[in-house]
Amino acid sequence: MRDVIQGMVQAETEAKRIVAAAKAEADRLVAEAHKQAQGLAQEVLASTRDEAARIVEAASREAEREKKDRLAKATAEVEKEVRMDESLRRDAVEAVVKAVCGKP
């Protein structure tokens, strides 16, 4: 009977040791998974920031191109509407010179 009880105590001790080892391994695995998840989150965050920067840069270049196109079109439109022949230009220059010099 003593052998049976001693066998049960040893089995219980062995079971506790196995449970403790399993818990320690589970804790280690959870910690490693948490560490990997943090690493992945940092990678995703960095990738998202890079992509956002690329999108902003592309939008900025497109806006600059659009601005230049609109300015060129507006300049062409103004030049088209403000055509002066040589005599009108000469008269305008003379009027400006007289105004600047204070001559009537």
C-alpha atoms as a PDB file:
ATOM      1  CA  MET A   1       0.000   0.000   0.000  1.00  0.00           C
ATOM      2  CA  ARG A   2       2.889   2.272   0.869  1.00  0.00           C
ATOM      3  CA  ASP A   3       4.346   1.698  -2.605  1.00  0.00           C
ATOM      4  CA  VAL A   4       1.040   2.674  -4.194  1.00  0.00           C
ATOM      5  CA  ILE A   5       0.830   5.914  -2.183  1.00  0.00           C
ATOM      6  CA  GLN A   6       4.470   6.722  -2.880  1.00  0.00           C
ATOM      7  CA  GLY A   7       3.848   6.070  -6.598  1.00  0.00           C
ATOM      8  CA  MET A   8       0.870   8.424  -6.551  1.00  0.00           C
ATOM      9  CA  VAL A   9       2.897  11.159  -4.808  1.00  0.00           C
ATOM     10  CA  GLN A  10       5.678  10.750  -7.378  1.00  0.00           C
ATOM     11  CA  ALA A  11       3.142  10.857 -10.215  1.00  0.00           C
ATOM     12  CA  GLU A  12       1.597  14.019  -8.754  1.00  0.00           C
ATOM     13  CA  THR A  13       5.019  15.627  -8.374  1.00  0.00           C
ATOM     14  CA  GLU A  14       5.915  14.683 -11.943  1.00  0.00           C
ATOM     15  CA  ALA A  15       2.557  16.053 -13.181  1.00  0.00           C
ATOM     16  CA  LYS A  16       3.173  19.365 -11.366  1.00  0.00           C
ATOM     17  CA  ARG A  17       6.646  19.572 -12.916  1.00  0.00           C
ATOM     18  CA  ILE A  18       5.215  18.909 -16.401  1.00  0.00           C
ATOM     19  CA  VAL A  19       2.467  21.523 -15.873  1.00  0.00           C
ATOM     20  CA  ALA A  20       5.022  24.086 -14.643  1.00  0.00           C
ATOM     21  CA  ALA A  21       7.282  23.399 -17.637  1.00  0.00           C
ATOM     22  CA  ALA A  22       4.322  23.694 -20.013  1.00  0.00           C
ATOM     23  CA  LYS A  23       3.268  26.981 -18.401  1.00  0.00           C
ATOM     24  CA  ALA A  24       6.812  28.323 -18.679  1.00  0.00           C
ATOM     25  CA  GLU A  25       6.952  27.310 -22.351  1.00  0.00           C
ATOM     26  CA  ALA A  26       3.534  28.896 -22.979  1.00  0.00           C
ATOM     27  CA  ASP A  27       4.672  32.128 -21.307  1.00  0.00           C
ATOM     28  CA  ARG A  28       7.834  32.139 -23.427  1.00  0.00           C
ATOM     29  CA  LEU A  29       5.820  31.547 -26.611  1.00  0.00           C
ATOM     30  CA  VAL A  30       3.364  34.337 -25.721  1.00  0.00           C
ATOM     31  CA  ALA A  31       6.238  36.738 -25.020  1.00  0.00           C
ATOM     32  CA  GLU A  32       7.918  35.827 -28.317  1.00  0.00           C
ATOM     33  CA  ALA A  33       4.632  36.248 -30.209  1.00  0.00           C
ATOM     34  CA  HIS A  34       4.114  39.626 -28.554  1.00  0.00           C
ATOM     35  CA  LYS A  35       7.638  40.693 -29.538  1.00  0.00           C
ATOM     36  CA  GLN A  36       7.068  39.570 -33.133  1.00  0.00           C
ATOM     37  CA  ALA A  37       3.726  41.385 -33.251  1.00  0.00           C
ATOM     38  CA  GLN A  38       5.389  44.596 -32.069  1.00  0.00           C
ATOM     39  CA  GLY A  39       8.076  44.202 -34.725  1.00  0.00           C
ATOM     40  CA  LEU A  40       5.474  43.667 -37.426  1.00  0.00           C
ATOM     41  CA  ALA A  41       3.470  46.648 -36.207  1.00  0.00           C
ATOM     42  CA  GLN A  42       6.592  48.835 -36.415  1.00  0.00           C
ATOM     43  CA  GLU A  43       7.323  47.573 -39.941  1.00  0.00           C
ATOM     44  CA  VAL A  44       3.748  48.274 -41.048  1.00  0.00           C
ATOM     45  CA  LEU A  45       3.860  51.730 -39.475  1.00  0.00           C
ATOM     46  CA  ALA A  46       7.153  52.561 -41.212  1.00  0.00           C
ATOM     47  CA  SER A  47       5.841  51.227 -44.515  1.00  0.00           C
ATOM     48  CA  THR A  48       2.647  53.256 -44.146  1.00  0.00           C
ATOM     49  CA  ARG A  49       4.632  56.412 -43.382  1.00  0.00           C
ATOM     50  CA  ASP A  50       6.834  55.829 -46.439  1.00  0.00           C
ATOM     51  CA  GLU A  51       3.819  55.272 -48.662  1.00  0.00           C
ATOM     52  CA  ALA A  52       2.101  58.398 -47.290  1.00  0.00           C
ATOM     53  CA  ALA A  53       5.253  60.418 -47.976  1.00  0.00           C
ATOM     54  CA  ARG A  54       5.370  59.083 -51.553  1.00  0.00           C
ATOM     55  CA  ILE A  55       1.699  59.962 -52.067  1.00  0.00           C
ATOM     56  CA  VAL A  56       2.181  63.479 -50.689  1.00  0.00           C
ATOM     57  CA  GLU A  57       5.265  64.000 -52.875  1.00  0.00           C
ATOM     58  CA  ALA A  58       3.419  62.784 -55.983  1.00  0.00           C
ATOM     59  CA  ALA A  59       0.446  65.030 -55.185  1.00  0.00           C
ATOM     60  CA  SER A  60       2.772  67.972 -54.666  1.00  0.00           C
ATOM     61  CA  ARG A  61       4.478  67.369 -58.025  1.00  0.00           C
ATOM     62  CA  GLU A  62       1.090  67.055 -59.729  1.00  0.00           C
ATOM     63  CA  ALA A  63      -0.147  70.287 -58.108  1.00  0.00           C
ATOM     64  CA  GLU A  64       3.017  72.102 -59.228  1.00  0.00           C
ATOM     65  CA  ARG A  65       2.581  70.778 -62.770  1.00  0.00           C
ATOM     66  CA  GLU A  66      -1.075  71.830 -62.750  1.00  0.00           C
ATOM     67  CA  LYS A  67      -0.116  75.303 -61.494  1.00  0.00           C
ATOM     68  CA  LYS A  68       2.450  75.705 -64.274  1.00  0.00           C
ATOM     69  CA  ASP A  69      -0.053  74.522 -66.897  1.00  0.00           C
ATOM     70  CA  ARG A  70      -2.700  76.973 -65.674  1.00  0.00           C
ATOM     71  CA  LEU A  71      -0.183  79.824 -65.565  1.00  0.00           C
ATOM     72  CA  ALA A  72       0.956  79.050 -69.107  1.00  0.00           C
ATOM     73  CA  LYS A  73      -2.649  78.973 -70.335  1.00  0.00           C
ATOM     74  CA  ALA A  74      -3.474  82.229 -68.549  1.00  0.00           C
ATOM     75  CA  THR A  75      -0.349  83.870 -69.970  1.00  0.00           C
ATOM     76  CA  ALA A  76      -1.238  82.718 -73.463  1.00  0.00           C
ATOM     77  CA  GLU A  77      -4.795  84.007 -73.029  1.00  0.00           C
ATOM     78  CA  VAL A  78      -3.585  87.417 -71.830  1.00  0.00           C
ATOM     79  CA  GLU A  79      -1.086  87.664 -74.672  1.00  0.00           C
ATOM     80  CA  LYS A  80      -3.788  86.693 -77.150  1.00  0.00           C
ATOM     81  CA  GLU A  81      -6.165  89.374 -75.903  1.00  0.00           C
ATOM     82  CA  VAL A  82      -3.590  92.136 -75.456  1.00  0.00           C
ATOM     83  CA  ARG A  83      -2.170  92.564 -78.929  1.00  0.00           C
ATOM     84  CA  MET A  84      -0.672  95.952 -79.705  1.00  0.00           C
ATOM     85  CA  ASP A  85       0.448  97.106 -83.049  1.00  0.00           C
ATOM     86  CA  GLU A  86       3.739  99.011 -83.281  1.00  0.00           C
ATOM     87  CA  SER A  87       2.229 102.506 -83.292  1.00  0.00           C
ATOM     88  CA  LEU A  88       0.004 101.783 -80.287  1.00  0.00           C
ATOM     89  CA  ARG A  89       3.004 100.364 -78.433  1.00  0.00           C
ATOM     90  CA  ARG A  90       5.112 103.438 -79.304  1.00  0.00           C
ATOM     91  CA  ASP A  91       2.327 105.774 -78.121  1.00  0.00           C
ATOM     92  CA  ALA A  92       1.996 103.813 -74.854  1.00  0.00           C
ATOM     93  CA  VAL A  93       5.755 103.939 -74.225  1.00  0.00           C
ATOM     94  CA  GLU A  94       5.825 107.673 -74.874  1.00  0.00           C
ATOM     95  CA  ALA A  95       2.894 108.211 -72.501  1.00  0.00           C
ATOM     96  CA  VAL A  96       4.644 106.223 -69.776  1.00  0.00           C
ATOM     97  CA  VAL A  97       7.923 108.104 -70.277  1.00  0.00           C
ATOM     98  CA  LYS A  98       6.102 111.470 -70.151  1.00  0.00           C
ATOM     99  CA  ALA A  99       4.252 110.405 -66.981  1.00  0.00           C
ATOM    100  CA  VAL A 100       7.432 109.243 -65.290  1.00  0.00           C
ATOM    101  CA  CYS A 101       9.414 112.296 -66.311  1.00  0.00           C
ATOM    102  CA  GLY A 102       6.556 114.625 -65.373  1.00  0.00           C
ATOM    103  CA  LYS A 103       6.190 116.123 -68.848  1.00  0.00           C
ATOM    104  CA  PRO A 104       2.734 116.942 -70.220  1.00  0.00           C
END
